[in-house]
Amino acid sequence: MQKVRIGVIGTGSISEMHLNSYARNPDAKIVAICDVNEARARQVADKYGADKVYSDYRELLADADIDAVSVCTWNNTHAPISIAALRAGKHVLVEKPLCRTMEEAYEVEKAVRETGKLLQVGYVRRYDPNVKMLREFADQGEFGELYYAKASTLRRLGNPGGWFADVERSGGGPLIDIGVHVIDLCWYLMGKPKATAVSANTYKKLGNRSNVKHLSFYKAADYDASKNTVEDLASAIIRFENGASIMVDVSYSLHAKKDEGMVRLYGDKGSFEIDPEVVIVTEKHDTILNIQPQTDSTAGFSGDPAFQNEVDHFVDCILNGTEQISPVEDGVEIMKILCGIYESAAKGEEVRL
């Protein structure tokens, strides 16, 4: 069987997770690397054995030797690059978020529909081994009706600056960057109910806190402390057609004692926690039980296995027509929620979706 020939567009930090996973997949071959910084693209190409280097993604997409691409670029380029790739006959794995606006989301969805090519959205947490296990439990009715979820991803000193902090390029701050993961995770595990309304707040009180000493934090390659046009904190209640709801808060900057991650889902027969570690709560013979599943890792998210599963699934869908786990339609629905949260916060009132 012929290998899927891969081009990777963008060589920022997230691309390494894609590249390592493709390199380990026996049915994939990395043939091209693209970055606006050609020297960096060449360095990455040398590391992963890619024969071709591009500094313009349009030239890569014109290459008939490439079957599929990973889009690992700034958020404001996700839609145009994905659309161009689809129309060039390539399958696409695009990093989250799908895009920045609903207009872009609908344009991407239209391109998928018209070209018949695959587009997989990089909701990597769906592919974590523990999440796959819990989804099986939920599908078997172990938790009954999942009607409420709580999720927090709070960083006290975690604004990466650079393009992450530039709303024109990112589309937003912690909500669209890291909040998207836990919102999608809860929505996916609840069975993807239709969102009907959002009530939200965003805050810009602390900025990037570049003044803080004695404590290091991740900085984007283009870090610039003088530029920060995104929120510090977002909080929201998301309501669904079936009566379920999600409460979420997420921050880059907050006067918190420590960073915190928490994901919990509650059903009428039981519940489970994913972050900070996997726990199942149920009731048997009039007794409440806290259950610790015996898995390779109790952590809520295991990066390497999750990215490997994500890339393996993408390649499998291309070669075998396997049903997609995170198709473009899911990307559009999550964008509705994210855009609704920003709209509700801006208007100071609940927004119907």
Protein backbone atom coordinates (compact mmCIF):
# COMPACT_ATOMS: atom_id res chain seq x y z
CA MET A 1 0.00 0.00 0.00
CA GLN A 2 1.32 3.43 -0.94
CA LYS A 3 2.20 5.72 1.94
CA VAL A 4 0.33 8.98 2.53
CA ARG A 5 2.73 11.76 1.52
CA ILE A 6 2.62 14.56 4.09
CA GLY A 7 3.46 18.25 4.00
CA VAL A 8 3.63 20.19 7.25
CA ILE A 9 2.88 23.93 7.09
CA GLY A 10 4.28 25.93 9.99
CA THR A 11 7.19 24.88 12.22
CA GLY A 12 6.15 26.40 15.54
CA SER A 13 6.24 24.33 18.73
CA ILE A 14 3.00 22.40 18.04
CA SER A 15 4.31 21.11 14.70
CA GLU A 16 6.81 18.90 16.48
CA MET A 17 3.95 16.80 17.90
CA HIS A 18 2.61 16.28 14.37
CA LEU A 19 6.02 15.57 12.89
CA ASN A 20 7.02 13.06 15.55
CA SER A 21 3.71 11.25 15.11
CA TYR A 22 3.95 11.11 11.31
CA ALA A 23 7.53 9.86 11.63
CA ARG A 24 6.31 6.95 13.76
CA ASN A 25 3.41 6.05 11.47
CA PRO A 26 4.41 3.30 9.00
CA ASP A 27 1.79 4.45 6.47
CA ALA A 28 2.94 8.08 6.32
CA LYS A 29 5.96 9.78 4.78
CA ILE A 30 6.97 13.38 5.51
CA VAL A 31 7.96 14.82 2.14
CA ALA A 32 7.76 18.62 2.58
CA ILE A 33 8.10 21.33 5.20
CA CYS A 34 6.89 24.92 4.83
CA ASP A 35 7.56 27.98 6.98
CA VAL A 36 7.88 31.69 6.24
CA ASN A 37 11.31 31.32 7.86
CA GLU A 38 12.96 29.19 5.18
CA ALA A 39 16.07 28.50 7.25
CA ARG A 40 13.93 27.06 10.05
CA ALA A 41 11.93 25.02 7.54
CA ARG A 42 15.16 23.58 6.14
CA GLN A 43 16.40 22.71 9.61
CA VAL A 44 13.17 20.84 10.37
CA ALA A 45 13.22 19.13 6.97
CA ASP A 46 16.74 17.86 7.63
CA LYS A 47 15.69 16.52 11.03
CA TYR A 48 12.71 14.57 9.66
CA GLY A 49 14.13 13.53 6.29
CA ALA A 50 11.84 15.66 4.14
CA ASP A 51 13.15 16.28 0.63
CA LYS A 52 11.33 19.54 -0.07
CA VAL A 53 11.34 22.93 1.63
CA TYR A 54 8.99 25.83 0.94
CA SER A 55 8.57 29.34 2.34
CA ASP A 56 5.20 29.88 0.60
CA TYR A 57 2.38 27.44 1.40
CA ARG A 58 0.85 28.00 -2.05
CA GLU A 59 3.93 26.48 -3.66
CA LEU A 60 3.69 23.46 -1.37
CA LEU A 61 0.01 23.03 -2.24
CA ALA A 62 0.85 23.11 -5.96
CA ASP A 63 3.14 20.10 -5.47
CA ALA A 64 1.36 17.02 -6.87
CA ASP A 65 3.62 14.79 -4.80
CA ILE A 66 1.77 15.75 -1.57
CA ASP A 67 -1.45 13.97 -0.52
CA ALA A 68 -2.20 15.67 2.81
CA VAL A 69 -1.07 18.53 5.02
CA SER A 70 -0.96 19.48 8.68
CA VAL A 71 -1.71 23.17 9.23
CA CYS A 72 0.28 24.35 12.28
CA THR A 73 0.23 28.11 11.75
CA TRP A 74 -1.27 31.20 13.38
CA ASN A 75 -5.03 31.03 13.91
CA ASN A 76 -5.73 33.78 11.37
CA THR A 77 -4.24 31.60 8.61
CA HIS A 78 -6.04 28.34 9.49
CA ALA A 79 -9.04 29.04 7.26
CA PRO A 80 -7.30 30.40 4.14
CA ILE A 81 -4.61 27.71 4.16
CA SER A 82 -7.11 24.91 4.84
CA ILE A 83 -9.44 26.11 2.07
CA ALA A 84 -6.56 26.45 -0.40
CA ALA A 85 -5.30 22.98 0.53
CA LEU A 86 -8.72 21.37 0.06
CA ARG A 87 -9.17 23.06 -3.32
CA ALA A 88 -5.67 21.86 -4.30
CA GLY A 89 -6.85 18.30 -3.67
CA LYS A 90 -5.14 17.76 -0.32
CA HIS A 91 -6.57 16.24 2.84
CA VAL A 92 -6.15 18.53 5.87
CA LEU A 93 -5.39 18.14 9.56
CA VAL A 94 -5.74 21.66 10.98
CA GLU A 95 -4.74 22.62 14.49
CA LYS A 96 -7.44 24.00 16.78
CA PRO A 97 -9.19 26.34 16.71
CA LEU A 98 -10.62 25.72 13.25
CA CYS A 99 -10.51 29.47 12.57
CA ARG A 100 -11.43 32.82 14.20
CA THR A 101 -14.95 33.67 12.98
CA MET A 102 -18.17 31.99 11.89
CA GLU A 103 -17.74 33.38 8.37
CA GLU A 104 -14.41 31.57 8.13
CA ALA A 105 -15.89 28.39 9.64
CA TYR A 106 -18.68 28.25 7.05
CA GLU A 107 -16.19 28.86 4.23
CA VAL A 108 -14.03 25.95 5.39
CA GLU A 109 -17.08 23.70 5.71
CA LYS A 110 -18.19 24.69 2.20
CA ALA A 111 -14.75 23.81 0.78
CA VAL A 112 -14.88 20.38 2.45
CA ARG A 113 -18.33 19.74 1.01
CA GLU A 114 -17.42 20.89 -2.51
CA THR A 115 -14.07 19.09 -2.76
CA GLY A 116 -14.93 15.84 -1.00
CA LYS A 117 -11.57 15.93 0.77
CA LEU A 118 -11.10 15.20 4.46
CA LEU A 119 -10.60 17.92 7.03
CA GLN A 120 -9.82 16.83 10.57
CA VAL A 121 -9.86 19.42 13.36
CA GLY A 122 -7.04 19.05 15.90
CA TYR A 123 -9.16 18.40 18.99
CA VAL A 124 -6.35 16.25 20.31
CA ARG A 125 -7.89 15.59 23.70
CA ARG A 126 -10.54 13.40 22.05
CA TYR A 127 -7.71 11.04 21.12
CA ASP A 128 -6.23 10.63 24.59
CA PRO A 129 -6.35 6.95 25.67
CA ASN A 130 -8.23 7.75 28.89
CA VAL A 131 -10.80 9.85 27.04
CA LYS A 132 -11.34 7.05 24.54
CA MET A 133 -11.93 4.70 27.49
CA LEU A 134 -14.38 7.08 29.20
CA ARG A 135 -16.25 7.63 25.93
CA GLU A 136 -16.78 3.85 25.75
CA PHE A 137 -18.12 3.87 29.33
CA ALA A 138 -20.46 6.75 28.47
CA ASP A 139 -21.65 5.08 25.24
CA GLN A 140 -22.48 1.95 27.26
CA GLY A 141 -24.68 4.03 29.57
CA GLU A 142 -22.39 3.74 32.62
CA PHE A 143 -23.05 7.35 33.68
CA GLY A 144 -26.61 7.61 32.39
CA GLU A 145 -27.56 11.03 31.06
CA LEU A 146 -24.63 13.43 31.28
CA TYR A 147 -26.36 16.69 32.11
CA TYR A 148 -23.71 18.94 33.71
CA ALA A 149 -20.00 19.58 33.22
CA LYS A 150 -17.48 21.86 34.92
CA ALA A 151 -14.16 22.73 33.36
CA SER A 152 -11.32 25.04 34.42
CA THR A 153 -7.95 25.71 32.83
CA LEU A 154 -6.45 28.45 34.97
CA ARG A 155 -2.95 29.77 34.43
CA ARG A 156 -1.69 32.33 36.94
CA LEU A 157 1.26 33.39 34.74
CA GLY A 158 0.66 31.88 31.34
CA ASN A 159 0.28 34.49 28.62
CA PRO A 160 2.72 33.35 25.89
CA GLY A 161 2.76 36.82 24.32
CA GLY A 162 3.63 37.21 20.64
CA TRP A 163 0.91 36.12 18.22
CA PHE A 164 -1.03 34.43 21.05
CA ALA A 165 -1.60 37.87 22.61
CA ASP A 166 -2.48 39.61 19.32
CA VAL A 167 -6.24 39.29 18.77
CA GLU A 168 -5.88 39.97 15.04
CA ARG A 169 -3.77 36.86 14.58
CA SER A 170 -5.13 34.65 17.38
CA GLY A 171 -8.83 35.55 17.38
CA GLY A 172 -8.75 35.74 21.17
CA GLY A 173 -6.84 34.80 24.30
CA PRO A 174 -7.04 31.85 26.68
CA LEU A 175 -10.61 30.97 25.63
CA ILE A 176 -9.77 30.25 21.99
CA ASP A 177 -6.28 28.93 22.78
CA ILE A 178 -6.66 26.54 25.73
CA GLY A 179 -10.34 26.85 26.67
CA VAL A 180 -11.33 25.33 23.34
CA HIS A 181 -9.79 22.02 24.45
CA VAL A 182 -11.88 21.56 27.59
CA ILE A 183 -15.08 22.93 26.07
CA ASP A 184 -14.76 20.53 23.17
CA LEU A 185 -13.85 17.68 25.51
CA CYS A 186 -16.98 18.15 27.64
CA TRP A 187 -19.23 18.64 24.59
CA TYR A 188 -17.83 15.54 22.87
CA LEU A 189 -18.22 13.33 25.93
CA MET A 190 -21.77 14.60 26.53
CA GLY A 191 -22.69 13.30 23.08
CA LYS A 192 -22.38 16.60 21.19
CA PRO A 193 -25.78 18.14 22.08
CA LYS A 194 -26.93 21.22 20.18
CA ALA A 195 -25.84 24.46 21.91
CA THR A 196 -28.67 26.98 22.28
CA ALA A 197 -27.38 29.84 24.48
CA VAL A 198 -24.29 31.27 26.13
CA SER A 199 -23.86 33.68 29.04
CA ALA A 200 -20.29 34.86 29.52
CA ASN A 201 -17.80 37.38 30.86
CA THR A 202 -14.27 38.23 29.82
CA TYR A 203 -11.78 40.33 31.80
CA LYS A 204 -8.70 42.36 30.92
CA LYS A 205 -7.28 43.32 34.31
CA LEU A 206 -3.71 42.00 34.63
CA GLY A 207 -2.23 41.92 31.13
CA ASN A 208 0.68 39.62 30.42
CA ARG A 209 2.36 40.23 33.83
CA SER A 210 5.80 40.48 32.21
CA ASN A 211 6.89 42.37 35.34
CA VAL A 212 6.87 39.19 37.45
CA LYS A 213 10.34 38.02 38.51
CA HIS A 214 11.70 34.71 39.82
CA LEU A 215 9.12 32.60 37.96
CA SER A 216 9.57 31.48 34.36
CA PHE A 217 6.81 30.80 31.83
CA TYR A 218 6.45 29.76 28.19
CA LYS A 219 7.01 32.56 25.69
CA ALA A 220 6.12 32.54 22.00
CA ALA A 221 8.99 32.83 19.53
CA ASP A 222 7.82 36.38 18.70
CA TYR A 223 7.27 37.41 22.34
CA ASP A 224 6.72 41.15 22.79
CA ALA A 225 5.57 42.34 26.22
CA SER A 226 4.26 45.63 24.82
CA LYS A 227 1.56 43.95 22.70
CA ASN A 228 -1.43 42.38 24.45
CA THR A 229 -4.95 42.73 23.03
CA VAL A 230 -6.56 39.54 24.37
CA GLU A 231 -8.51 38.71 27.52
CA ASP A 232 -6.87 37.54 30.76
CA LEU A 233 -9.86 35.47 31.82
CA ALA A 234 -13.08 34.15 30.31
CA SER A 235 -15.96 32.45 32.11
CA ALA A 236 -19.18 31.10 30.65
CA ILE A 237 -22.28 28.97 31.06
CA ILE A 238 -23.22 27.10 27.89
CA ARG A 239 -26.78 25.76 27.59
CA PHE A 240 -27.90 22.92 25.31
CA GLU A 241 -31.16 21.89 23.67
CA ASN A 242 -31.44 18.74 25.82
CA GLY A 243 -31.21 20.77 29.06
CA ALA A 244 -27.54 19.99 29.71
CA SER A 245 -25.04 22.72 30.55
CA ILE A 246 -21.31 23.36 30.81
CA MET A 247 -19.68 25.86 33.20
CA VAL A 248 -16.17 26.86 32.14
CA ASP A 249 -13.47 29.33 33.13
CA VAL A 250 -10.03 29.76 31.61
CA SER A 251 -7.20 32.23 32.15
CA TYR A 252 -3.76 33.35 31.01
CA SER A 253 -3.27 35.71 33.97
CA LEU A 254 -4.88 35.43 37.39
CA HIS A 255 -3.91 36.06 41.01
CA ALA A 256 -4.15 32.36 41.78
CA LYS A 257 -2.02 30.31 44.15
CA LYS A 258 -1.13 27.85 41.39
CA ASP A 259 -2.10 26.72 37.90
CA GLU A 260 -5.22 24.58 37.93
CA GLY A 261 -6.89 22.17 35.53
CA MET A 262 -10.21 20.50 36.25
CA VAL A 263 -12.71 18.67 34.04
CA ARG A 264 -15.73 16.92 35.59
CA LEU A 265 -18.88 15.51 34.03
CA TYR A 266 -21.97 14.52 35.99
CA GLY A 267 -24.68 12.05 35.00
CA ASP A 268 -27.77 10.62 36.65
CA LYS A 269 -26.10 7.23 37.14
CA GLY A 270 -22.54 8.34 37.89
CA SER A 271 -19.85 10.87 37.11
CA PHE A 272 -16.20 11.09 36.17
CA GLU A 273 -13.26 13.42 36.40
CA ILE A 274 -10.60 13.73 33.70
CA ASP A 275 -8.38 16.52 35.03
CA PRO A 276 -6.27 16.49 37.10
CA GLU A 277 -6.59 12.70 37.06
CA VAL A 278 -9.12 10.12 35.96
CA VAL A 279 -11.67 9.06 38.60
CA ILE A 280 -15.10 7.48 38.20
CA VAL A 281 -17.81 7.98 40.82
CA THR A 282 -20.80 5.65 40.90
CA GLU A 283 -23.27 4.04 43.25
CA LYS A 284 -23.64 0.28 43.83
CA HIS A 285 -25.86 -1.44 46.41
CA ASP A 286 -26.69 1.89 48.10
CA THR A 287 -23.00 2.71 48.45
CA ILE A 288 -21.06 5.50 46.73
CA LEU A 289 -17.86 4.26 45.09
CA ASN A 290 -14.87 6.27 43.94
CA ILE A 291 -13.17 4.15 41.27
CA GLN A 292 -9.60 4.56 40.00
CA PRO A 293 -9.31 2.92 36.57
CA GLN A 294 -6.08 0.99 36.10
CA THR A 295 -4.54 2.49 32.96
CA ASP A 296 -1.05 3.31 31.73
CA SER A 297 -1.48 6.86 33.01
CA THR A 298 -3.95 8.35 35.47
CA ALA A 299 -3.22 11.84 34.13
CA GLY A 300 -6.08 13.53 32.32
CA PHE A 301 -3.95 14.20 29.23
CA SER A 302 -0.99 12.29 27.85
CA GLY A 303 0.47 14.34 25.01
CA ASP A 304 2.49 11.86 22.97
CA PRO A 305 -0.10 9.04 22.88
CA ALA A 306 -2.92 11.50 22.12
CA PHE A 307 -1.11 13.17 19.22
CA GLN A 308 -0.03 9.78 17.92
CA ASN A 309 -3.63 8.55 17.97
CA GLU A 310 -4.77 11.76 16.27
CA VAL A 311 -2.28 11.46 13.41
CA ASP A 312 -2.81 7.70 13.08
CA HIS A 313 -6.55 8.31 12.79
CA PHE A 314 -6.03 10.99 10.11
CA VAL A 315 -3.88 8.62 8.04
CA ASP A 316 -6.37 5.77 8.57
CA CYS A 317 -9.28 7.94 7.41
CA ILE A 318 -7.38 8.83 4.23
CA LEU A 319 -6.37 5.26 3.41
CA ASN A 320 -9.43 3.34 4.58
CA GLY A 321 -12.33 5.80 4.68
CA THR A 322 -12.74 5.35 8.43
CA GLU A 323 -15.42 7.53 10.04
CA GLN A 324 -13.87 10.74 11.37
CA ILE A 325 -13.68 11.43 15.11
CA SER A 326 -13.31 15.22 14.75
CA PRO A 327 -14.78 16.30 11.39
CA VAL A 328 -15.25 19.84 10.12
CA GLU A 329 -18.87 19.93 11.34
CA ASP A 330 -17.63 19.65 14.94
CA GLY A 331 -15.19 22.48 14.29
CA VAL A 332 -18.06 24.68 13.14
CA GLU A 333 -20.19 23.86 16.22
CA ILE A 334 -17.35 24.65 18.63
CA MET A 335 -16.70 27.93 16.81
CA LYS A 336 -20.38 28.84 17.37
CA ILE A 337 -19.85 28.36 21.09
CA LEU A 338 -16.55 30.28 21.21
CA CYS A 339 -17.89 33.18 19.15
CA GLY A 340 -21.05 33.17 21.26
CA ILE A 341 -18.98 33.49 24.44
CA TYR A 342 -17.08 36.50 23.08
CA GLU A 343 -20.33 38.07 21.82
CA SER A 344 -22.10 37.55 25.15
CA ALA A 345 -19.19 39.07 27.06
CA ALA A 346 -19.08 42.09 24.73
CA LYS A 347 -22.85 42.70 25.02
CA GLY A 348 -23.11 41.90 28.72
CA GLU A 349 -26.07 39.61 28.18
CA GLU A 350 -27.02 36.06 27.25
CA VAL A 351 -26.71 35.25 23.55
CA ARG A 352 -28.92 32.77 21.70
CA LEU A 353 -27.00 30.59 19.27
